[in-house]
Amino acid sequence: MPAPKLAIIGSGILLLIGGLSILLGCEPRIGVAALALFYIGVTPVMHNFWAAGPEQKQHELVNFMKNVALLGATLMFLAIPPPWAFSVRW
């Protein structure tokens, strides 16, 4: 990772924006975009099972597939029409 400090700050901001947006129902499309960007960027870099050694391959594959499932669940929030029933109104 060329700039680990910047990557940690950037991924934290994406998770914070996405999580709060989904939790509060405030601009959920922006939250979904932030979380999807996080998963698309982080998953292949951090869980590259194809380059792992034999003892780590299964572990990385499980975490890779977990992140793919979380990405799918995140995208399903787009199917809920806004405003959500318990959304915070601004």
PDB file of N, CA and C in Angstrom:
ATOM      1  N   MET A   1       0.855  -1.168   0.000  1.00  0.00           N
ATOM      2  CA  MET A   1       0.000   0.000   0.000  1.00  0.00           C
ATOM      3  C   MET A   1       0.903   1.234   0.000  1.00  0.00           C
ATOM      4  N   PRO A   2       0.798   2.083  -1.001  1.00  0.00           N
ATOM      5  CA  PRO A   2       1.695   3.229  -1.097  1.00  0.00           C
ATOM      6  C   PRO A   2       1.471   4.302  -0.023  1.00  0.00           C
ATOM      7  N   ALA A   3       0.228   4.591   0.340  1.00  0.00           N
ATOM      8  CA  ALA A   3      -0.065   5.623   1.339  1.00  0.00           C
ATOM      9  C   ALA A   3      -1.048   5.058   2.367  1.00  0.00           C
ATOM     10  N   PRO A   4      -0.565   4.251   3.312  1.00  0.00           N
ATOM     11  CA  PRO A   4      -1.493   3.573   4.222  1.00  0.00           C
ATOM     12  C   PRO A   4      -2.290   4.521   5.120  1.00  0.00           C
ATOM     13  N   LYS A   5      -1.684   5.595   5.569  1.00  0.00           N
ATOM     14  CA  LYS A   5      -2.395   6.531   6.438  1.00  0.00           C
ATOM     15  C   LYS A   5      -3.571   7.172   5.702  1.00  0.00           C
ATOM     16  N   LEU A   6      -3.335   7.578   4.467  1.00  0.00           N
ATOM     17  CA  LEU A   6      -4.390   8.175   3.650  1.00  0.00           C
ATOM     18  C   LEU A   6      -5.486   7.151   3.348  1.00  0.00           C
ATOM     19  N   ALA A   7      -5.098   5.908   3.095  1.00  0.00           N
ATOM     20  CA  ALA A   7      -6.082   4.860   2.814  1.00  0.00           C
ATOM     21  C   ALA A   7      -6.962   4.589   4.028  1.00  0.00           C
ATOM     22  N   ILE A   8      -6.375   4.578   5.206  1.00  0.00           N
ATOM     23  CA  ILE A   8      -7.154   4.344   6.423  1.00  0.00           C
ATOM     24  C   ILE A   8      -8.125   5.493   6.667  1.00  0.00           C
ATOM     25  N   ILE A   9      -7.675   6.707   6.501  1.00  0.00           N
ATOM     26  CA  ILE A   9      -8.551   7.866   6.697  1.00  0.00           C
ATOM     27  C   ILE A   9      -9.672   7.880   5.663  1.00  0.00           C
ATOM     28  N   GLY A  10      -9.317   7.629   4.407  1.00  0.00           N
ATOM     29  CA  GLY A  10     -10.328   7.611   3.344  1.00  0.00           C
ATOM     30  C   GLY A  10     -11.358   6.518   3.533  1.00  0.00           C
ATOM     31  N   SER A  11     -10.919   5.312   3.881  1.00  0.00           N
ATOM     32  CA  SER A  11     -11.874   4.221   4.080  1.00  0.00           C
ATOM     33  C   SER A  11     -12.740   4.479   5.307  1.00  0.00           C
ATOM     34  N   GLY A  12     -12.157   5.078   6.341  1.00  0.00           N
ATOM     35  CA  GLY A  12     -12.952   5.413   7.523  1.00  0.00           C
ATOM     36  C   GLY A  12     -14.026   6.438   7.223  1.00  0.00           C
ATOM     37  N   ILE A  13     -13.691   7.428   6.423  1.00  0.00           N
ATOM     38  CA  ILE A  13     -14.672   8.449   6.034  1.00  0.00           C
ATOM     39  C   ILE A  13     -15.795   7.829   5.206  1.00  0.00           C
ATOM     40  N   LEU A  14     -15.438   6.956   4.266  1.00  0.00           N
ATOM     41  CA  LEU A  14     -16.468   6.293   3.453  1.00  0.00           C
ATOM     42  C   LEU A  14     -17.399   5.463   4.329  1.00  0.00           C
ATOM     43  N   LEU A  15     -16.842   4.716   5.279  1.00  0.00           N
ATOM     44  CA  LEU A  15     -17.674   3.893   6.157  1.00  0.00           C
ATOM     45  C   LEU A  15     -18.542   4.750   7.072  1.00  0.00           C
ATOM     46  N   LEU A  16     -18.001   5.847   7.567  1.00  0.00           N
ATOM     47  CA  LEU A  16     -18.766   6.731   8.444  1.00  0.00           C
ATOM     48  C   LEU A  16     -19.927   7.381   7.689  1.00  0.00           C
ATOM     49  N   ILE A  17     -19.646   7.923   6.523  1.00  0.00           N
ATOM     50  CA  ILE A  17     -20.703   8.548   5.712  1.00  0.00           C
ATOM     51  C   ILE A  17     -21.762   7.523   5.333  1.00  0.00           C
ATOM     52  N   GLY A  18     -21.314   6.371   4.858  1.00  0.00           N
ATOM     53  CA  GLY A  18     -22.258   5.337   4.441  1.00  0.00           C
ATOM     54  C   GLY A  18     -23.093   4.807   5.588  1.00  0.00           C
ATOM     55  N   GLY A  19     -22.444   4.520   6.705  1.00  0.00           N
ATOM     56  CA  GLY A  19     -23.164   3.972   7.852  1.00  0.00           C
ATOM     57  C   GLY A  19     -24.178   4.942   8.429  1.00  0.00           C
ATOM     58  N   LEU A  20     -23.777   6.191   8.615  1.00  0.00           N
ATOM     59  CA  LEU A  20     -24.715   7.184   9.156  1.00  0.00           C
ATOM     60  C   LEU A  20     -25.863   7.459   8.195  1.00  0.00           C
ATOM     61  N   SER A  21     -25.565   7.494   6.924  1.00  0.00           N
ATOM     62  CA  SER A  21     -26.603   7.749   5.931  1.00  0.00           C
ATOM     63  C   SER A  21     -27.651   6.631   5.930  1.00  0.00           C
ATOM     64  N   ILE A  22     -27.201   5.396   5.992  1.00  0.00           N
ATOM     65  CA  ILE A  22     -28.128   4.256   6.020  1.00  0.00           C
ATOM     66  C   ILE A  22     -28.880   4.226   7.346  1.00  0.00           C
ATOM     67  N   LEU A  23     -28.163   4.419   8.448  1.00  0.00           N
ATOM     68  CA  LEU A  23     -28.779   4.366   9.772  1.00  0.00           C
ATOM     69  C   LEU A  23     -29.859   5.425   9.945  1.00  0.00           C
ATOM     70  N   LEU A  24     -29.574   6.641   9.505  1.00  0.00           N
ATOM     71  CA  LEU A  24     -30.522   7.742   9.672  1.00  0.00           C
ATOM     72  C   LEU A  24     -31.520   7.854   8.520  1.00  0.00           C
ATOM     73  N   GLY A  25     -31.240   7.206   7.394  1.00  0.00           N
ATOM     74  CA  GLY A  25     -32.119   7.303   6.240  1.00  0.00           C
ATOM     75  C   GLY A  25     -32.003   8.640   5.538  1.00  0.00           C
ATOM     76  N   CYS A  26     -30.936   9.354   5.803  1.00  0.00           N
ATOM     77  CA  CYS A  26     -30.715  10.674   5.218  1.00  0.00           C
ATOM     78  C   CYS A  26     -29.832  10.526   3.982  1.00  0.00           C
ATOM     79  N   GLU A  27     -30.383  10.830   2.825  1.00  0.00           N
ATOM     80  CA  GLU A  27     -29.662  10.665   1.552  1.00  0.00           C
ATOM     81  C   GLU A  27     -29.077   9.249   1.413  1.00  0.00           C
ATOM     82  N   PRO A  28     -29.938   8.231   1.439  1.00  0.00           N
ATOM     83  CA  PRO A  28     -29.426   6.859   1.421  1.00  0.00           C
ATOM     84  C   PRO A  28     -28.662   6.503   0.145  1.00  0.00           C
ATOM     85  N   ARG A  29     -28.938   7.147  -0.964  1.00  0.00           N
ATOM     86  CA  ARG A  29     -28.206   6.834  -2.198  1.00  0.00           C
ATOM     87  C   ARG A  29     -26.734   7.232  -2.084  1.00  0.00           C
ATOM     88  N   ILE A  30     -26.472   8.334  -1.391  1.00  0.00           N
ATOM     89  CA  ILE A  30     -25.082   8.739  -1.163  1.00  0.00           C
ATOM     90  C   ILE A  30     -24.402   7.732  -0.241  1.00  0.00           C
ATOM     91  N   GLY A  31     -25.120   7.270   0.769  1.00  0.00           N
ATOM     92  CA  GLY A  31     -24.577   6.263   1.676  1.00  0.00           C
ATOM     93  C   GLY A  31     -24.280   4.957   0.969  1.00  0.00           C
ATOM     94  N   VAL A  32     -25.181   4.539   0.114  1.00  0.00           N
ATOM     95  CA  VAL A  32     -24.957   3.308  -0.659  1.00  0.00           C
ATOM     96  C   VAL A  32     -23.751   3.478  -1.572  1.00  0.00           C
ATOM     97  N   ALA A  33     -23.633   4.630  -2.203  1.00  0.00           N
ATOM     98  CA  ALA A  33     -22.484   4.880  -3.078  1.00  0.00           C
ATOM     99  C   ALA A  33     -21.175   4.850  -2.293  1.00  0.00           C
ATOM    100  N   ALA A  34     -21.164   5.447  -1.097  1.00  0.00           N
ATOM    101  CA  ALA A  34     -19.947   5.453  -0.277  1.00  0.00           C
ATOM    102  C   ALA A  34     -19.566   4.038   0.145  1.00  0.00           C
ATOM    103  N   LEU A  35     -20.540   3.257   0.593  1.00  0.00           N
ATOM    104  CA  LEU A  35     -20.247   1.890   1.009  1.00  0.00           C
ATOM    105  C   LEU A  35     -19.832   1.015  -0.171  1.00  0.00           C
ATOM    106  N   ALA A  36     -20.493   1.179  -1.313  1.00  0.00           N
ATOM    107  CA  ALA A  36     -20.125   0.401  -2.498  1.00  0.00           C
ATOM    108  C   ALA A  36     -18.709   0.753  -2.948  1.00  0.00           C
ATOM    109  N   LEU A  37     -18.369   2.022  -2.920  1.00  0.00           N
ATOM    110  CA  LEU A  37     -17.017   2.440  -3.273  1.00  0.00           C
ATOM    111  C   LEU A  37     -15.993   1.828  -2.328  1.00  0.00           C
ATOM    112  N   PHE A  38     -16.316   1.789  -1.044  1.00  0.00           N
ATOM    113  CA  PHE A  38     -15.427   1.159  -0.064  1.00  0.00           C
ATOM    114  C   PHE A  38     -15.224  -0.314  -0.399  1.00  0.00           C
ATOM    115  N   TYR A  39     -16.318  -1.054  -0.566  1.00  0.00           N
ATOM    116  CA  TYR A  39     -16.202  -2.498  -0.815  1.00  0.00           C
ATOM    117  C   TYR A  39     -15.507  -2.800  -2.139  1.00  0.00           C
ATOM    118  N   ILE A  40     -15.805  -2.038  -3.168  1.00  0.00           N
ATOM    119  CA  ILE A  40     -15.177  -2.275  -4.472  1.00  0.00           C
ATOM    120  C   ILE A  40     -13.682  -1.973  -4.418  1.00  0.00           C
ATOM    121  N   GLY A  41     -13.311  -0.968  -3.652  1.00  0.00           N
ATOM    122  CA  GLY A  41     -11.893  -0.620  -3.564  1.00  0.00           C
ATOM    123  C   GLY A  41     -11.094  -1.504  -2.627  1.00  0.00           C
ATOM    124  N   VAL A  42     -11.686  -1.862  -1.507  1.00  0.00           N
ATOM    125  CA  VAL A  42     -10.952  -2.586  -0.471  1.00  0.00           C
ATOM    126  C   VAL A  42     -10.902  -4.088  -0.714  1.00  0.00           C
ATOM    127  N   THR A  43     -11.970  -4.678  -1.183  1.00  0.00           N
ATOM    128  CA  THR A  43     -12.060  -6.131  -1.271  1.00  0.00           C
ATOM    129  C   THR A  43     -10.951  -6.771  -2.098  1.00  0.00           C
ATOM    130  N   PRO A  44     -10.719  -6.352  -3.335  1.00  0.00           N
ATOM    131  CA  PRO A  44      -9.670  -7.037  -4.100  1.00  0.00           C
ATOM    132  C   PRO A  44      -8.253  -6.739  -3.604  1.00  0.00           C
ATOM    133  N   VAL A  45      -8.067  -5.622  -2.926  1.00  0.00           N
ATOM    134  CA  VAL A  45      -6.728  -5.268  -2.437  1.00  0.00           C
ATOM    135  C   VAL A  45      -6.401  -6.015  -1.146  1.00  0.00           C
ATOM    136  N   MET A  46      -7.337  -6.034  -0.217  1.00  0.00           N
ATOM    137  CA  MET A  46      -7.066  -6.622   1.097  1.00  0.00           C
ATOM    138  C   MET A  46      -7.280  -8.130   1.140  1.00  0.00           C
ATOM    139  N   HIS A  47      -8.104  -8.673   0.291  1.00  0.00           N
ATOM    140  CA  HIS A  47      -8.421 -10.105   0.340  1.00  0.00           C
ATOM    141  C   HIS A  47      -8.116 -10.769  -0.997  1.00  0.00           C
ATOM    142  N   ASN A  48      -6.894 -10.591  -1.463  1.00  0.00           N
ATOM    143  CA  ASN A  48      -6.500 -11.173  -2.759  1.00  0.00           C
ATOM    144  C   ASN A  48      -6.084 -12.637  -2.559  1.00  0.00           C
ATOM    145  N   PHE A  49      -7.087 -13.492  -2.494  1.00  0.00           N
ATOM    146  CA  PHE A  49      -6.864 -14.914  -2.243  1.00  0.00           C
ATOM    147  C   PHE A  49      -6.069 -15.578  -3.357  1.00  0.00           C
ATOM    148  N   TRP A  50      -6.129 -15.042  -4.570  1.00  0.00           N
ATOM    149  CA  TRP A  50      -5.424 -15.623  -5.698  1.00  0.00           C
ATOM    150  C   TRP A  50      -3.906 -15.483  -5.564  1.00  0.00           C
ATOM    151  N   ALA A  51      -3.446 -14.558  -4.740  1.00  0.00           N
ATOM    152  CA  ALA A  51      -2.006 -14.365  -4.548  1.00  0.00           C
ATOM    153  C   ALA A  51      -1.533 -14.872  -3.190  1.00  0.00           C
ATOM    154  N   ALA A  52      -2.427 -15.386  -2.374  1.00  0.00           N
ATOM    155  CA  ALA A  52      -2.069 -15.841  -1.030  1.00  0.00           C
ATOM    156  C   ALA A  52      -1.433 -17.220  -1.090  1.00  0.00           C
ATOM    157  N   GLY A  53      -0.677 -17.505  -0.051  1.00  0.00           N
ATOM    158  CA  GLY A  53      -0.074 -18.832   0.068  1.00  0.00           C
ATOM    159  C   GLY A  53      -1.129 -19.872   0.385  1.00  0.00           C
ATOM    160  N   PRO A  54      -0.773 -21.130   0.313  1.00  0.00           N
ATOM    161  CA  PRO A  54      -1.766 -22.198   0.510  1.00  0.00           C
ATOM    162  C   PRO A  54      -2.424 -22.181   1.893  1.00  0.00           C
ATOM    163  N   GLU A  55      -1.686 -21.739   2.909  1.00  0.00           N
ATOM    164  CA  GLU A  55      -2.258 -21.722   4.256  1.00  0.00           C
ATOM    165  C   GLU A  55      -3.222 -20.550   4.466  1.00  0.00           C
ATOM    166  N   GLN A  56      -3.113 -19.505   3.666  1.00  0.00           N
ATOM    167  CA  GLN A  56      -3.965 -18.330   3.806  1.00  0.00           C
ATOM    168  C   GLN A  56      -5.068 -18.243   2.756  1.00  0.00           C
ATOM    169  N   LYS A  57      -4.991 -19.064   1.734  1.00  0.00           N
ATOM    170  CA  LYS A  57      -5.919 -18.967   0.592  1.00  0.00           C
ATOM    171  C   LYS A  57      -7.384 -19.084   1.024  1.00  0.00           C
ATOM    172  N   GLN A  58      -7.704 -20.080   1.845  1.00  0.00           N
ATOM    173  CA  GLN A  58      -9.086 -20.294   2.267  1.00  0.00           C
ATOM    174  C   GLN A  58      -9.583 -19.128   3.120  1.00  0.00           C
ATOM    175  N   HIS A  59      -8.749 -18.657   4.019  1.00  0.00           N
ATOM    176  CA  HIS A  59      -9.121 -17.531   4.877  1.00  0.00           C
ATOM    177  C   HIS A  59      -9.425 -16.282   4.041  1.00  0.00           C
ATOM    178  N   GLU A  60      -8.586 -15.965   3.100  1.00  0.00           N
ATOM    179  CA  GLU A  60      -8.789 -14.787   2.256  1.00  0.00           C
ATOM    180  C   GLU A  60     -10.010 -14.946   1.351  1.00  0.00           C
ATOM    181  N   LEU A  61     -10.237 -16.180   0.856  1.00  0.00           N
ATOM    182  CA  LEU A  61     -11.413 -16.422   0.015  1.00  0.00           C
ATOM    183  C   LEU A  61     -12.702 -16.202   0.807  1.00  0.00           C
ATOM    184  N   VAL A  62     -12.743 -16.673   2.047  1.00  0.00           N
ATOM    185  CA  VAL A  62     -13.931 -16.483   2.882  1.00  0.00           C
ATOM    186  C   VAL A  62     -14.195 -14.996   3.101  1.00  0.00           C
ATOM    187  N   ASN A  63     -13.156 -14.240   3.433  1.00  0.00           N
ATOM    188  CA  ASN A  63     -13.335 -12.804   3.655  1.00  0.00           C
ATOM    189  C   ASN A  63     -13.662 -12.052   2.370  1.00  0.00           C
ATOM    190  N   PHE A  64     -13.107 -12.489   1.245  1.00  0.00           N
ATOM    191  CA  PHE A  64     -13.434 -11.888  -0.047  1.00  0.00           C
ATOM    192  C   PHE A  64     -14.922 -12.080  -0.348  1.00  0.00           C
ATOM    193  N   MET A  65     -15.402 -13.311  -0.182  1.00  0.00           N
ATOM    194  CA  MET A  65     -16.805 -13.594  -0.473  1.00  0.00           C
ATOM    195  C   MET A  65     -17.733 -12.893   0.520  1.00  0.00           C
ATOM    196  N   LYS A  66     -17.303 -12.740   1.776  1.00  0.00           N
ATOM    197  CA  LYS A  66     -18.084 -11.999   2.764  1.00  0.00           C
ATOM    198  C   LYS A  66     -18.268 -10.554   2.313  1.00  0.00           C
ATOM    199  N   ASN A  67     -17.198  -9.937   1.837  1.00  0.00           N
ATOM    200  CA  ASN A  67     -17.297  -8.558   1.368  1.00  0.00           C
ATOM    201  C   ASN A  67     -18.165  -8.438   0.125  1.00  0.00           C
ATOM    202  N   VAL A  68     -18.118  -9.429  -0.756  1.00  0.00           N
ATOM    203  CA  VAL A  68     -18.985  -9.419  -1.942  1.00  0.00           C
ATOM    204  C   VAL A  68     -20.450  -9.518  -1.513  1.00  0.00           C
ATOM    205  N   ALA A  69     -20.732 -10.351  -0.511  1.00  0.00           N
ATOM    206  CA  ALA A  69     -22.104 -10.462  -0.004  1.00  0.00           C
ATOM    207  C   ALA A  69     -22.554  -9.161   0.649  1.00  0.00           C
ATOM    208  N   LEU A  70     -21.661  -8.508   1.399  1.00  0.00           N
ATOM    209  CA  LEU A  70     -22.005  -7.223   2.009  1.00  0.00           C
ATOM    210  C   LEU A  70     -22.237  -6.154   0.947  1.00  0.00           C
ATOM    211  N   LEU A  71     -21.489  -6.201  -0.139  1.00  0.00           N
ATOM    212  CA  LEU A  71     -21.716  -5.267  -1.246  1.00  0.00           C
ATOM    213  C   LEU A  71     -23.102  -5.497  -1.841  1.00  0.00           C
ATOM    214  N   GLY A  72     -23.476  -6.739  -2.041  1.00  0.00           N
ATOM    215  CA  GLY A  72     -24.810  -7.049  -2.560  1.00  0.00           C
ATOM    216  C   GLY A  72     -25.911  -6.577  -1.626  1.00  0.00           C
ATOM    217  N   ALA A  73     -25.721  -6.782  -0.328  1.00  0.00           N
ATOM    218  CA  ALA A  73     -26.718  -6.325   0.648  1.00  0.00           C
ATOM    219  C   ALA A  73     -26.809  -4.808   0.655  1.00  0.00           C
ATOM    220  N   THR A  74     -25.676  -4.151   0.505  1.00  0.00           N
ATOM    221  CA  THR A  74     -25.668  -2.689   0.451  1.00  0.00           C
ATOM    222  C   THR A  74     -26.436  -2.193  -0.766  1.00  0.00           C
ATOM    223  N   LEU A  75     -26.222  -2.816  -1.906  1.00  0.00           N
ATOM    224  CA  LEU A  75     -26.910  -2.396  -3.129  1.00  0.00           C
ATOM    225  C   LEU A  75     -28.415  -2.627  -3.050  1.00  0.00           C
ATOM    226  N   MET A  76     -28.839  -3.568  -2.208  1.00  0.00           N
ATOM    227  CA  MET A  76     -30.274  -3.820  -2.066  1.00  0.00           C
ATOM    228  C   MET A  76     -31.006  -2.647  -1.406  1.00  0.00           C
ATOM    229  N   PHE A  77     -30.268  -1.783  -0.697  1.00  0.00           N
ATOM    230  CA  PHE A  77     -30.901  -0.596  -0.126  1.00  0.00           C
ATOM    231  C   PHE A  77     -31.448   0.323  -1.211  1.00  0.00           C
ATOM    232  N   LEU A  78     -30.934   0.210  -2.421  1.00  0.00           N
ATOM    233  CA  LEU A  78     -31.439   1.030  -3.520  1.00  0.00           C
ATOM    234  C   LEU A  78     -32.869   0.648  -3.918  1.00  0.00           C
ATOM    235  N   ALA A  79     -33.309  -0.552  -3.530  1.00  0.00           N
ATOM    236  CA  ALA A  79     -34.656  -1.006  -3.870  1.00  0.00           C
ATOM    237  C   ALA A  79     -35.721  -0.403  -2.959  1.00  0.00           C
ATOM    238  N   ILE A  80     -35.299   0.185  -1.842  1.00  0.00           N
ATOM    239  CA  ILE A  80     -36.260   0.797  -0.919  1.00  0.00           C
ATOM    240  C   ILE A  80     -36.502   2.239  -1.371  1.00  0.00           C
ATOM    241  N   PRO A  81     -37.741   2.572  -1.716  1.00  0.00           N
ATOM    242  CA  PRO A  81     -37.987   3.943  -2.187  1.00  0.00           C
ATOM    243  C   PRO A  81     -37.891   4.954  -1.046  1.00  0.00           C
ATOM    244  N   PRO A  82     -37.141   6.046  -1.260  1.00  0.00           N
ATOM    245  CA  PRO A  82     -37.084   7.081  -0.226  1.00  0.00           C
ATOM    246  C   PRO A  82     -38.341   7.937  -0.255  1.00  0.00           C
ATOM    247  N   PRO A  83     -38.724   8.583   0.786  1.00  0.00           N
ATOM    248  CA  PRO A  83     -38.121   8.554   2.104  1.00  0.00           C
ATOM    249  C   PRO A  83     -38.503   7.281   2.826  1.00  0.00           C
ATOM    250  N   TRP A  84     -37.577   6.780   3.625  1.00  0.00           N
ATOM    251  CA  TRP A  84     -37.823   5.582   4.402  1.00  0.00           C
ATOM    252  C   TRP A  84     -38.783   5.890   5.537  1.00  0.00           C
ATOM    253  N   ALA A  85     -39.410   4.864   6.060  1.00  0.00           N
ATOM    254  CA  ALA A  85     -40.449   5.066   7.084  1.00  0.00           C
ATOM    255  C   ALA A  85     -39.925   5.808   8.311  1.00  0.00           C
ATOM    256  N   PHE A  86     -38.716   5.521   8.738  1.00  0.00           N
ATOM    257  CA  PHE A  86     -38.173   6.157   9.933  1.00  0.00           C
ATOM    258  C   PHE A  86     -36.995   7.058   9.620  1.00  0.00           C
ATOM    259  N   SER A  87     -37.008   7.677   8.454  1.00  0.00           N
ATOM    260  CA  SER A  87     -35.922   8.557   8.042  1.00  0.00           C
ATOM    261  C   SER A  87     -35.900   9.834   8.882  1.00  0.00           C
ATOM    262  N   VAL A  88     -34.710  10.342   9.078  1.00  0.00           N
ATOM    263  CA  VAL A  88     -34.548  11.639   9.718  1.00  0.00           C
ATOM    264  C   VAL A  88     -34.800  12.692   8.656  1.00  0.00           C
ATOM    265  N   ARG A  89     -35.709  13.594   8.921  1.00  0.00           N
ATOM    266  CA  ARG A  89     -36.029  14.649   7.953  1.00  0.00           C
ATOM    267  C   ARG A  89     -35.175  15.877   8.243  1.00  0.00           C
ATOM    268  N   TRP A  90     -34.589  16.469   7.209  1.00  0.00           N
ATOM    269  CA  TRP A  90     -33.773  17.681   7.398  1.00  0.00           C
ATOM    270  C   TRP A  90     -34.516  18.890   6.943  1.00  0.00           C
TER     271      TRP A  90
END
